[in-house]
């Protein structure tokens, strides 16, 4: 793939994503399968959600907070 030197980073990433998707027939299952094969072939340790890390901690995805979650949600909570 030839990347134009005038491309922005975003354009370059989008171009790469489009090329990868096209290579796998725009099939999400095939794209994910190929990505996992590349991960395994990299030789790097891959920690999946639910595994223990080298520090003995459980690998989890960070929980996202809803906007305004830290604020009382009802009138009764306001009185506390």
C-alpha atoms as a PDB file:
ATOM      1  CA  UNK A   1       0.000   0.000   0.000  1.00  0.00           C
ATOM      2  CA  UNK A   2       1.402   3.375  -1.017  1.00  0.00           C
ATOM      3  CA  UNK A   3       0.626   6.179   1.421  1.00  0.00           C
ATOM      4  CA  UNK A   4       0.605   9.768   0.137  1.00  0.00           C
ATOM      5  CA  UNK A   5       2.946  11.940   2.230  1.00  0.00           C
ATOM      6  CA  UNK A   6       0.268  14.632   2.401  1.00  0.00           C
ATOM      7  CA  UNK A   7      -2.253  12.305   4.114  1.00  0.00           C
ATOM      8  CA  UNK A   8      -3.304  13.136   7.622  1.00  0.00           C
ATOM      9  CA  UNK A   9      -2.967  10.461  10.289  1.00  0.00           C
ATOM     10  CA  UNK A  10      -6.733   9.988  10.319  1.00  0.00           C
ATOM     11  CA  UNK A  11      -6.843   9.545   6.543  1.00  0.00           C
ATOM     12  CA  UNK A  12      -3.964   7.067   6.729  1.00  0.00           C
ATOM     13  CA  UNK A  13      -5.692   5.003   9.438  1.00  0.00           C
ATOM     14  CA  UNK A  14      -8.961   5.018   7.498  1.00  0.00           C
ATOM     15  CA  UNK A  15      -7.130   3.949   4.346  1.00  0.00           C
ATOM     16  CA  UNK A  16      -5.461   1.087   6.206  1.00  0.00           C
ATOM     17  CA  UNK A  17      -8.761  -0.020   7.766  1.00  0.00           C
ATOM     18  CA  UNK A  18     -10.453   0.036   4.354  1.00  0.00           C
ATOM     19  CA  UNK A  19      -7.641  -2.040   2.812  1.00  0.00           C
ATOM     20  CA  UNK A  20      -7.794  -4.622   5.618  1.00  0.00           C
ATOM     21  CA  UNK A  21     -11.587  -4.830   5.362  1.00  0.00           C
ATOM     22  CA  UNK A  22     -11.433  -5.234   1.567  1.00  0.00           C
ATOM     23  CA  UNK A  23      -8.764  -7.936   1.885  1.00  0.00           C
ATOM     24  CA  UNK A  24     -11.191  -9.956   4.025  1.00  0.00           C
ATOM     25  CA  UNK A  25     -14.290  -9.289   1.942  1.00  0.00           C
ATOM     26  CA  UNK A  26     -15.667  -6.797   4.500  1.00  0.00           C
ATOM     27  CA  UNK A  27     -16.533  -9.830   6.683  1.00  0.00           C
ATOM     28  CA  UNK A  28     -16.129  -8.864  10.358  1.00  0.00           C
ATOM     29  CA  UNK A  29     -15.579 -12.478  11.469  1.00  0.00           C
ATOM     30  CA  UNK A  30     -12.752 -12.900   8.939  1.00  0.00           C
ATOM     31  CA  UNK A  31     -11.205  -9.546   9.926  1.00  0.00           C
ATOM     32  CA  UNK A  32     -11.218 -10.513  13.633  1.00  0.00           C
ATOM     33  CA  UNK A  33      -9.853 -13.990  12.867  1.00  0.00           C
ATOM     34  CA  UNK A  34      -6.964 -12.492  10.883  1.00  0.00           C
ATOM     35  CA  UNK A  35      -6.247  -9.962  13.651  1.00  0.00           C
ATOM     36  CA  UNK A  36      -6.079 -12.740  16.254  1.00  0.00           C
ATOM     37  CA  UNK A  37      -3.741 -14.740  14.021  1.00  0.00           C
ATOM     38  CA  UNK A  38      -1.454 -11.688  13.755  1.00  0.00           C
ATOM     39  CA  UNK A  39      -1.546 -11.300  17.550  1.00  0.00           C
ATOM     40  CA  UNK A  40      -0.578 -14.938  18.087  1.00  0.00           C
ATOM     41  CA  UNK A  41       2.175 -14.751  15.465  1.00  0.00           C
ATOM     42  CA  UNK A  42       3.637 -11.610  17.065  1.00  0.00           C
ATOM     43  CA  UNK A  43       5.144 -13.628  19.905  1.00  0.00           C
ATOM     44  CA  UNK A  44       3.941 -11.078  22.449  1.00  0.00           C
ATOM     45  CA  UNK A  45       1.980 -12.116  25.506  1.00  0.00           C
ATOM     46  CA  UNK A  46      -1.701 -11.423  24.979  1.00  0.00           C
ATOM     47  CA  UNK A  47      -3.846 -10.854  28.058  1.00  0.00           C
ATOM     48  CA  UNK A  48      -7.500 -11.406  27.429  1.00  0.00           C
ATOM     49  CA  UNK A  49     -10.299 -10.167  29.686  1.00  0.00           C
ATOM     50  CA  UNK A  50     -10.667 -12.476  32.696  1.00  0.00           C
ATOM     51  CA  UNK A  51      -7.026 -13.681  32.754  1.00  0.00           C
ATOM     52  CA  UNK A  52      -4.630 -12.965  35.592  1.00  0.00           C
ATOM     53  CA  UNK A  53      -1.840 -10.524  34.799  1.00  0.00           C
ATOM     54  CA  UNK A  54       1.773 -11.069  35.872  1.00  0.00           C
ATOM     55  CA  UNK A  55       0.966  -8.955  38.953  1.00  0.00           C
ATOM     56  CA  UNK A  56      -1.788 -11.410  39.882  1.00  0.00           C
ATOM     57  CA  UNK A  57      -4.559  -8.942  39.028  1.00  0.00           C
ATOM     58  CA  UNK A  58      -7.606  -9.868  37.016  1.00  0.00           C
ATOM     59  CA  UNK A  59      -7.548  -8.272  33.549  1.00  0.00           C
ATOM     60  CA  UNK A  60     -10.835  -6.456  33.030  1.00  0.00           C
ATOM     61  CA  UNK A  61     -12.167  -3.768  30.784  1.00  0.00           C
ATOM     62  CA  UNK A  62     -12.504  -0.391  32.472  1.00  0.00           C
ATOM     63  CA  UNK A  63     -16.047   0.427  33.480  1.00  0.00           C
ATOM     64  CA  UNK A  64     -17.379   3.532  31.827  1.00  0.00           C
ATOM     65  CA  UNK A  65     -19.368   6.055  33.806  1.00  0.00           C
ATOM     66  CA  UNK A  66     -22.465   7.614  32.402  1.00  0.00           C
ATOM     67  CA  UNK A  67     -22.448  11.361  32.138  1.00  0.00           C
ATOM     68  CA  UNK A  68     -23.627  12.796  35.437  1.00  0.00           C
ATOM     69  CA  UNK A  69     -23.325   9.464  37.256  1.00  0.00           C
ATOM     70  CA  UNK A  70     -21.670  11.134  40.241  1.00  0.00           C
ATOM     71  CA  UNK A  71     -24.717  13.327  40.802  1.00  0.00           C
ATOM     72  CA  UNK A  72     -27.849  12.303  42.723  1.00  0.00           C
ATOM     73  CA  UNK A  73     -30.364  10.693  40.420  1.00  0.00           C
ATOM     74  CA  UNK A  74     -33.571  11.347  42.348  1.00  0.00           C
ATOM     75  CA  UNK A  75     -35.062  13.884  44.728  1.00  0.00           C
ATOM     76  CA  UNK A  76     -34.735  11.464  47.678  1.00  0.00           C
ATOM     77  CA  UNK A  77     -30.998  11.183  46.991  1.00  0.00           C
ATOM     78  CA  UNK A  78     -30.761  14.980  47.096  1.00  0.00           C
ATOM     79  CA  UNK A  79     -32.019  14.945  50.701  1.00  0.00           C
ATOM     80  CA  UNK A  80     -29.300  12.582  51.930  1.00  0.00           C
END
